[in-house]
Every structure is written in structure tokens, then in C-alpha cells.
Amino acid sequence: HPPRQRLPALTISCHRSVPHARIGINHQSGAGVAGDILFRNIDIERVTKTNNVWRTWALFQIGDAYNDGAGPIDGVTVSHINVRDHGTSTPILSGFSPTSNIRNVVFDSIRMPGSTGYATSLAELGFTNPVHTANIVVQ
């Protein structure tokens, strides 16, 4: 197989933003690598949007919706997020396969509802069943 093409770097930086939806990546088309992605300084006030069946504060997922390959997600930082509403579903962290996985993700300074401190584990962030992931850090 030829090496996977790395998609151009995408930086998402929201300052003093108060979305009424979730944050995340839903990589459903193409075998390229989605990477170098930053979510920073976001206040999630209410989760009012539903995607498929999920209504959650965070959704990171890889699929192959168009049968054109499923590329990995590599290099995501989610930093300084204040989650006031976690939604009605558990957050999703789901790669497609062992090679088209979600890897090298840092959750830094994430405050969940009712907490005075930052989360220190995926469980505290609400992730209960990560699939096809590698090197996920919560700090």
C-alpha cells in the first residue's frame, strides 16, 4: 500500500466561544490523515444538537461512509474546555481499525459539570469505551 497522504493541518481555535453543540471530529471520507487539530478555550454551555443518536459534549469518530478509505486521526489537542452540559449520551472516541485509529490526543485542562478541578482520566471526561485508540493523554 502507498503511504497515507496527510491532509493539510487544520487548526480550530475558538476564543471565548460558547457553542450549543459539541466539539469533535467525524472523519468519514478519505484515507488521508486528519491531524494537527486544536480545540482551545471553549465554554460548552448547552448540548442541544444530536448527531445520529448521540447528544454529547465530545465526539471523535472515524468511518468509511463512502467506501473510499478510512484515514486515521493523528494529533489533536483539546485544551481549556469548560463543559457545563455533557449532553445525554456518553462521549465517543472511536477509531475505525487498528491502523485507522485515533492517536496522539491530549485532553488538557477540561472541567466537567459539577467539578471544581480539571479531569484527570478518560472516565472523568465521560468516555466509557474508547475503540481503536493509541496514546490518549488526560492532564
N, C-alpha and C. Protein backbone atom coordinates (compact mmCIF):
# COMPACT_ATOMS: atom_id res chain seq x y z
N HIS A 1 0.83 -1.19 0.00
CA HIS A 1 0.00 0.00 0.00
C HIS A 1 0.88 1.25 0.00
N PRO A 2 0.51 2.28 -0.75
CA PRO A 2 1.27 3.52 -0.71
C PRO A 2 1.05 4.22 0.64
N PRO A 3 1.98 5.07 1.06
CA PRO A 3 1.81 5.77 2.34
C PRO A 3 0.57 6.67 2.29
N ARG A 4 -0.05 6.82 3.42
CA ARG A 4 -1.25 7.65 3.51
C ARG A 4 -0.88 9.11 3.39
N GLN A 5 -1.68 9.82 2.65
CA GLN A 5 -1.47 11.25 2.49
C GLN A 5 -1.94 11.96 3.75
N ARG A 6 -1.11 12.88 4.22
CA ARG A 6 -1.50 13.67 5.38
C ARG A 6 -2.25 14.90 4.86
N LEU A 7 -3.46 15.08 5.34
CA LEU A 7 -4.24 16.24 4.94
C LEU A 7 -3.60 17.50 5.48
N PRO A 8 -3.85 18.65 4.88
CA PRO A 8 -3.27 19.89 5.40
C PRO A 8 -3.67 20.10 6.85
N ALA A 9 -2.77 20.70 7.62
CA ALA A 9 -3.04 20.96 9.04
C ALA A 9 -4.27 21.84 9.18
N LEU A 10 -5.07 21.50 10.16
CA LEU A 10 -6.28 22.25 10.44
C LEU A 10 -6.24 22.68 11.89
N THR A 11 -6.26 23.96 12.12
CA THR A 11 -6.28 24.46 13.49
C THR A 11 -7.63 25.09 13.75
N ILE A 12 -8.31 24.55 14.74
CA ILE A 12 -9.58 25.11 15.17
C ILE A 12 -9.32 25.75 16.51
N SER A 13 -9.46 27.03 16.58
CA SER A 13 -9.18 27.74 17.82
C SER A 13 -10.34 28.69 18.09
N CYS A 14 -11.10 28.38 19.10
CA CYS A 14 -12.24 29.23 19.47
C CYS A 14 -11.91 29.94 20.77
N HIS A 15 -11.98 31.22 20.76
CA HIS A 15 -11.70 32.02 21.95
C HIS A 15 -12.99 32.64 22.45
N ARG A 16 -13.26 32.46 23.73
CA ARG A 16 -14.47 32.98 24.35
C ARG A 16 -15.71 32.54 23.58
N SER A 17 -15.70 31.31 23.15
CA SER A 17 -16.80 30.75 22.37
C SER A 17 -17.72 29.95 23.28
N VAL A 18 -19.01 30.06 23.04
CA VAL A 18 -20.00 29.32 23.82
C VAL A 18 -20.90 28.57 22.85
N PRO A 19 -20.46 27.38 22.38
CA PRO A 19 -21.29 26.64 21.43
C PRO A 19 -22.46 25.96 22.11
N HIS A 20 -23.51 25.71 21.35
CA HIS A 20 -24.65 24.95 21.83
C HIS A 20 -24.65 23.58 21.17
N ALA A 21 -23.48 23.07 20.96
CA ALA A 21 -23.30 21.75 20.37
C ALA A 21 -22.03 21.17 20.97
N ARG A 22 -21.50 20.16 20.34
CA ARG A 22 -20.31 19.50 20.88
C ARG A 22 -19.07 19.93 20.10
N ILE A 23 -17.94 19.43 20.59
CA ILE A 23 -16.71 19.57 19.82
C ILE A 23 -16.32 18.17 19.35
N GLY A 24 -15.53 18.10 18.29
CA GLY A 24 -15.07 16.80 17.85
C GLY A 24 -14.75 16.75 16.37
N ILE A 25 -14.44 15.54 15.92
CA ILE A 25 -14.08 15.26 14.54
C ILE A 25 -14.84 14.02 14.12
N ASN A 26 -15.51 14.10 12.99
CA ASN A 26 -16.23 12.96 12.43
C ASN A 26 -15.63 12.70 11.05
N HIS A 27 -14.51 11.98 11.01
CA HIS A 27 -13.73 11.73 9.79
C HIS A 27 -14.37 10.54 9.06
N GLN A 28 -15.20 10.82 8.05
CA GLN A 28 -15.98 9.79 7.39
C GLN A 28 -15.61 9.55 5.93
N SER A 29 -14.66 10.30 5.40
CA SER A 29 -14.38 10.15 3.97
C SER A 29 -12.89 10.33 3.70
N GLY A 30 -12.32 9.39 2.96
CA GLY A 30 -10.94 9.50 2.53
C GLY A 30 -9.95 8.83 3.45
N ALA A 31 -8.86 8.36 2.85
CA ALA A 31 -7.84 7.63 3.60
C ALA A 31 -6.75 8.54 4.14
N GLY A 32 -6.83 9.85 3.89
CA GLY A 32 -5.82 10.77 4.39
C GLY A 32 -5.87 10.90 5.91
N VAL A 33 -4.76 11.36 6.46
CA VAL A 33 -4.65 11.57 7.90
C VAL A 33 -5.23 12.94 8.24
N ALA A 34 -6.15 12.97 9.19
CA ALA A 34 -6.63 14.24 9.74
C ALA A 34 -5.81 14.50 11.00
N GLY A 35 -5.07 15.60 11.01
CA GLY A 35 -4.21 15.82 12.16
C GLY A 35 -3.86 17.26 12.39
N ASP A 36 -3.10 17.47 13.47
CA ASP A 36 -2.68 18.80 13.89
C ASP A 36 -3.90 19.68 14.12
N ILE A 37 -4.81 19.20 14.94
CA ILE A 37 -6.09 19.87 15.18
C ILE A 37 -6.12 20.36 16.62
N LEU A 38 -6.56 21.59 16.80
CA LEU A 38 -6.60 22.21 18.13
C LEU A 38 -7.98 22.77 18.43
N PHE A 39 -8.54 22.35 19.57
CA PHE A 39 -9.74 22.96 20.14
C PHE A 39 -9.28 23.63 21.43
N ARG A 40 -9.50 24.94 21.57
CA ARG A 40 -8.94 25.65 22.72
C ARG A 40 -9.89 26.75 23.20
N ASN A 41 -9.95 26.91 24.52
CA ASN A 41 -10.70 27.99 25.16
C ASN A 41 -12.16 28.00 24.73
N ILE A 42 -12.85 26.90 25.02
CA ILE A 42 -14.26 26.77 24.65
C ILE A 42 -15.09 26.51 25.89
N ASP A 43 -16.22 27.18 25.98
CA ASP A 43 -17.18 27.00 27.07
C ASP A 43 -18.42 26.34 26.47
N ILE A 44 -18.63 25.07 26.79
CA ILE A 44 -19.79 24.34 26.26
C ILE A 44 -20.93 24.54 27.25
N GLU A 45 -21.83 25.43 26.89
CA GLU A 45 -22.91 25.82 27.79
C GLU A 45 -24.06 24.83 27.78
N ARG A 46 -24.52 24.47 26.58
CA ARG A 46 -25.62 23.51 26.44
C ARG A 46 -25.35 22.63 25.22
N VAL A 47 -25.68 21.36 25.34
CA VAL A 47 -25.57 20.45 24.20
C VAL A 47 -27.00 20.23 23.69
N THR A 48 -27.32 20.87 22.59
CA THR A 48 -28.68 20.81 22.06
C THR A 48 -28.78 20.09 20.73
N LYS A 49 -27.65 19.77 20.12
CA LYS A 49 -27.65 19.13 18.80
C LYS A 49 -27.44 17.63 18.94
N THR A 50 -28.12 16.86 18.11
CA THR A 50 -27.97 15.41 18.07
C THR A 50 -27.40 15.01 16.71
N ASN A 51 -26.36 14.17 16.72
CA ASN A 51 -25.77 13.62 15.50
C ASN A 51 -26.05 12.12 15.53
N ASN A 52 -26.81 11.65 14.55
CA ASN A 52 -27.29 10.26 14.57
C ASN A 52 -28.07 10.06 15.87
N VAL A 53 -27.52 9.32 16.79
CA VAL A 53 -28.21 9.10 18.06
C VAL A 53 -27.49 9.76 19.23
N TRP A 54 -26.36 10.43 18.96
CA TRP A 54 -25.54 10.96 20.04
C TRP A 54 -25.82 12.42 20.30
N ARG A 55 -25.96 12.72 21.55
CA ARG A 55 -26.08 14.10 22.02
C ARG A 55 -25.09 14.24 23.17
N THR A 56 -23.86 14.57 22.81
CA THR A 56 -22.75 14.54 23.77
C THR A 56 -21.84 15.74 23.59
N TRP A 57 -21.03 16.03 24.59
CA TRP A 57 -20.13 17.18 24.53
C TRP A 57 -18.94 16.94 23.61
N ALA A 58 -18.58 15.66 23.36
CA ALA A 58 -17.40 15.36 22.54
C ALA A 58 -17.63 14.11 21.70
N LEU A 59 -17.29 14.22 20.41
CA LEU A 59 -17.42 13.08 19.52
C LEU A 59 -16.22 13.07 18.57
N PHE A 60 -15.40 12.03 18.68
CA PHE A 60 -14.24 11.83 17.81
C PHE A 60 -14.42 10.44 17.20
N GLN A 61 -14.63 10.39 15.88
CA GLN A 61 -15.01 9.14 15.25
C GLN A 61 -14.44 9.05 13.84
N ILE A 62 -14.08 7.82 13.44
CA ILE A 62 -13.62 7.55 12.08
C ILE A 62 -14.55 6.52 11.47
N GLY A 63 -14.92 6.74 10.22
CA GLY A 63 -15.75 5.78 9.49
C GLY A 63 -15.33 5.77 8.02
N ASP A 64 -16.03 5.00 7.25
CA ASP A 64 -15.78 4.91 5.80
C ASP A 64 -17.12 5.01 5.09
N ALA A 65 -17.77 6.15 5.25
CA ALA A 65 -19.14 6.34 4.76
C ALA A 65 -19.26 6.20 3.25
N TYR A 66 -18.19 6.50 2.51
CA TYR A 66 -18.27 6.50 1.04
C TYR A 66 -17.42 5.41 0.41
N ASN A 67 -16.96 4.45 1.21
CA ASN A 67 -16.12 3.35 0.73
C ASN A 67 -14.89 3.84 -0.03
N ASP A 68 -14.31 4.93 0.44
CA ASP A 68 -13.10 5.46 -0.20
C ASP A 68 -11.91 5.47 0.76
N GLY A 69 -11.99 4.66 1.78
CA GLY A 69 -10.90 4.57 2.74
C GLY A 69 -11.24 5.27 4.03
N ALA A 70 -10.61 4.84 5.07
CA ALA A 70 -10.82 5.44 6.39
C ALA A 70 -9.46 5.82 6.95
N GLY A 71 -9.15 7.10 6.91
CA GLY A 71 -7.86 7.55 7.40
C GLY A 71 -7.88 7.78 8.90
N PRO A 72 -6.71 7.75 9.53
CA PRO A 72 -6.63 7.96 10.97
C PRO A 72 -6.76 9.44 11.36
N ILE A 73 -6.98 9.65 12.62
CA ILE A 73 -6.89 10.98 13.24
C ILE A 73 -5.64 10.94 14.09
N ASP A 74 -4.70 11.83 13.82
CA ASP A 74 -3.40 11.80 14.48
C ASP A 74 -2.97 13.21 14.87
N GLY A 75 -2.98 13.48 16.17
CA GLY A 75 -2.51 14.77 16.65
C GLY A 75 -3.63 15.76 16.91
N VAL A 76 -4.31 15.60 18.04
CA VAL A 76 -5.39 16.50 18.42
C VAL A 76 -5.13 16.99 19.83
N THR A 77 -5.31 18.29 20.04
CA THR A 77 -5.25 18.86 21.38
C THR A 77 -6.60 19.50 21.69
N VAL A 78 -7.15 19.12 22.83
CA VAL A 78 -8.40 19.69 23.34
C VAL A 78 -8.02 20.34 24.65
N SER A 79 -8.00 21.67 24.67
CA SER A 79 -7.38 22.38 25.79
C SER A 79 -8.27 23.49 26.33
N HIS A 80 -8.31 23.58 27.66
CA HIS A 80 -9.05 24.63 28.37
C HIS A 80 -10.50 24.70 27.92
N ILE A 81 -11.21 23.60 28.22
CA ILE A 81 -12.62 23.48 27.87
C ILE A 81 -13.42 23.44 29.17
N ASN A 82 -14.46 24.25 29.25
CA ASN A 82 -15.36 24.24 30.39
C ASN A 82 -16.67 23.62 29.93
N VAL A 83 -16.92 22.40 30.37
CA VAL A 83 -18.12 21.67 29.97
C VAL A 83 -19.19 21.90 31.04
N ARG A 84 -20.19 22.70 30.72
CA ARG A 84 -21.29 22.96 31.67
C ARG A 84 -22.41 21.94 31.49
N ASP A 85 -22.52 21.36 30.28
CA ASP A 85 -23.55 20.37 29.97
C ASP A 85 -22.88 19.26 29.17
N HIS A 86 -22.91 18.04 29.69
CA HIS A 86 -22.24 16.93 28.99
C HIS A 86 -23.16 16.23 28.00
N GLY A 87 -24.42 16.64 27.91
CA GLY A 87 -25.35 16.03 26.98
C GLY A 87 -26.06 14.84 27.60
N THR A 88 -26.74 14.07 26.76
CA THR A 88 -27.50 12.91 27.23
C THR A 88 -26.86 11.59 26.84
N SER A 89 -25.78 11.63 26.04
CA SER A 89 -25.06 10.41 25.62
C SER A 89 -23.63 10.49 26.13
N THR A 90 -23.00 9.33 26.23
CA THR A 90 -21.59 9.33 26.61
C THR A 90 -20.76 9.85 25.43
N PRO A 91 -19.64 10.50 25.70
CA PRO A 91 -18.77 10.95 24.62
C PRO A 91 -18.24 9.76 23.82
N ILE A 92 -17.89 10.02 22.57
CA ILE A 92 -17.43 8.97 21.65
C ILE A 92 -15.96 9.19 21.30
N LEU A 93 -15.18 8.13 21.41
CA LEU A 93 -13.77 8.12 20.99
C LEU A 93 -13.58 6.79 20.28
N SER A 94 -13.82 6.79 18.94
CA SER A 94 -13.93 5.53 18.21
C SER A 94 -13.21 5.58 16.87
N GLY A 95 -12.07 4.87 16.80
CA GLY A 95 -11.37 4.71 15.54
C GLY A 95 -12.05 3.65 14.68
N PHE A 96 -11.53 3.48 13.46
CA PHE A 96 -12.14 2.55 12.51
C PHE A 96 -11.52 1.15 12.59
N SER A 97 -10.19 1.10 12.78
CA SER A 97 -9.47 -0.17 12.81
C SER A 97 -8.16 0.07 13.57
N PRO A 98 -7.38 -0.99 13.80
CA PRO A 98 -6.10 -0.78 14.49
C PRO A 98 -5.16 0.18 13.75
N THR A 99 -5.24 0.26 12.43
CA THR A 99 -4.36 1.18 11.68
C THR A 99 -5.03 2.51 11.36
N SER A 100 -6.33 2.51 11.24
CA SER A 100 -7.07 3.77 11.05
C SER A 100 -7.68 4.13 12.41
N ASN A 101 -6.77 4.50 13.29
CA ASN A 101 -7.18 4.73 14.67
C ASN A 101 -7.13 6.22 15.03
N ILE A 102 -7.49 6.51 16.25
CA ILE A 102 -7.37 7.86 16.80
C ILE A 102 -6.18 7.82 17.74
N ARG A 103 -5.18 8.66 17.45
CA ARG A 103 -3.94 8.58 18.22
C ARG A 103 -3.36 9.97 18.48
N ASN A 104 -2.54 9.99 19.53
CA ASN A 104 -1.83 11.21 19.91
C ASN A 104 -2.80 12.37 20.18
N VAL A 105 -3.69 12.11 21.13
CA VAL A 105 -4.69 13.09 21.54
C VAL A 105 -4.40 13.52 22.97
N VAL A 106 -4.43 14.83 23.20
CA VAL A 106 -4.23 15.38 24.54
C VAL A 106 -5.48 16.14 24.96
N PHE A 107 -6.06 15.74 26.09
CA PHE A 107 -7.13 16.49 26.74
C PHE A 107 -6.48 17.23 27.90
N ASP A 108 -6.41 18.54 27.82
CA ASP A 108 -5.69 19.34 28.80
C ASP A 108 -6.61 20.38 29.42
N SER A 109 -6.70 20.37 30.73
CA SER A 109 -7.47 21.37 31.48
C SER A 109 -8.94 21.38 31.05
N ILE A 110 -9.58 20.23 31.22
CA ILE A 110 -11.00 20.09 30.89
C ILE A 110 -11.78 20.04 32.21
N ARG A 111 -12.71 20.95 32.38
CA ARG A 111 -13.55 20.98 33.58
C ARG A 111 -14.94 20.47 33.23
N MET A 112 -15.36 19.41 33.92
CA MET A 112 -16.67 18.80 33.69
C MET A 112 -17.72 19.38 34.63
N PRO A 113 -19.00 19.21 34.30
CA PRO A 113 -20.07 19.77 35.14
C PRO A 113 -19.97 19.32 36.60
N GLY A 114 -20.13 20.28 37.49
CA GLY A 114 -20.12 19.99 38.92
C GLY A 114 -18.75 19.82 39.52
N SER A 115 -17.70 19.93 38.73
CA SER A 115 -16.34 19.74 39.23
C SER A 115 -15.64 21.08 39.42
N THR A 116 -14.86 21.18 40.48
CA THR A 116 -14.08 22.40 40.69
C THR A 116 -12.68 22.29 40.12
N GLY A 117 -12.26 21.06 39.81
CA GLY A 117 -10.92 20.86 39.24
C GLY A 117 -11.02 20.29 37.83
N TYR A 118 -9.86 20.06 37.26
CA TYR A 118 -9.80 19.51 35.90
C TYR A 118 -9.84 17.98 35.94
N ALA A 119 -10.39 17.39 34.90
CA ALA A 119 -10.45 15.94 34.78
C ALA A 119 -9.03 15.38 34.65
N THR A 120 -8.84 14.19 35.20
CA THR A 120 -7.52 13.55 35.14
C THR A 120 -7.55 12.19 34.46
N SER A 121 -8.72 11.79 33.94
CA SER A 121 -8.82 10.49 33.28
C SER A 121 -9.92 10.54 32.22
N LEU A 122 -9.88 9.57 31.30
CA LEU A 122 -10.95 9.46 30.31
C LEU A 122 -12.29 9.20 30.99
N ALA A 123 -12.28 8.42 32.07
CA ALA A 123 -13.52 8.15 32.79
C ALA A 123 -14.13 9.44 33.35
N GLU A 124 -13.30 10.33 33.89
CA GLU A 124 -13.81 11.60 34.41
C GLU A 124 -14.37 12.48 33.29
N LEU A 125 -13.86 12.30 32.08
CA LEU A 125 -14.39 13.04 30.93
C LEU A 125 -15.67 12.40 30.39
N GLY A 126 -15.99 11.20 30.87
CA GLY A 126 -17.21 10.51 30.47
C GLY A 126 -17.01 9.44 29.42
N PHE A 127 -15.79 9.30 28.89
CA PHE A 127 -15.52 8.26 27.88
C PHE A 127 -15.52 6.90 28.57
N THR A 128 -16.40 6.00 28.15
CA THR A 128 -16.50 4.70 28.81
C THR A 128 -15.98 3.55 27.96
N ASN A 129 -15.89 3.73 26.64
CA ASN A 129 -15.50 2.61 25.79
C ASN A 129 -14.71 3.07 24.57
N PRO A 130 -13.50 3.62 24.77
CA PRO A 130 -12.70 4.01 23.60
C PRO A 130 -12.36 2.78 22.75
N VAL A 131 -12.43 2.94 21.42
CA VAL A 131 -12.18 1.83 20.49
C VAL A 131 -11.12 2.27 19.48
N HIS A 132 -10.13 1.43 19.24
CA HIS A 132 -9.06 1.70 18.26
C HIS A 132 -8.43 3.06 18.51
N THR A 133 -7.83 3.19 19.69
CA THR A 133 -7.14 4.43 20.06
C THR A 133 -5.73 4.11 20.53
N ALA A 134 -4.86 5.11 20.50
CA ALA A 134 -3.49 4.95 21.00
C ALA A 134 -2.98 6.30 21.48
N ASN A 135 -2.27 6.28 22.58
CA ASN A 135 -1.62 7.47 23.14
C ASN A 135 -2.62 8.61 23.38
N ILE A 136 -3.64 8.33 24.19
CA ILE A 136 -4.61 9.33 24.60
C ILE A 136 -4.21 9.78 26.00
N VAL A 137 -3.99 11.07 26.18
CA VAL A 137 -3.50 11.61 27.44
C VAL A 137 -4.51 12.60 28.00
N VAL A 138 -4.77 12.50 29.30
CA VAL A 138 -5.58 13.47 30.02
C VAL A 138 -4.70 14.09 31.08
N GLN A 139 -4.59 15.42 31.04
CA GLN A 139 -3.72 16.10 32.02
C GLN A 139 -4.37 17.37 32.53
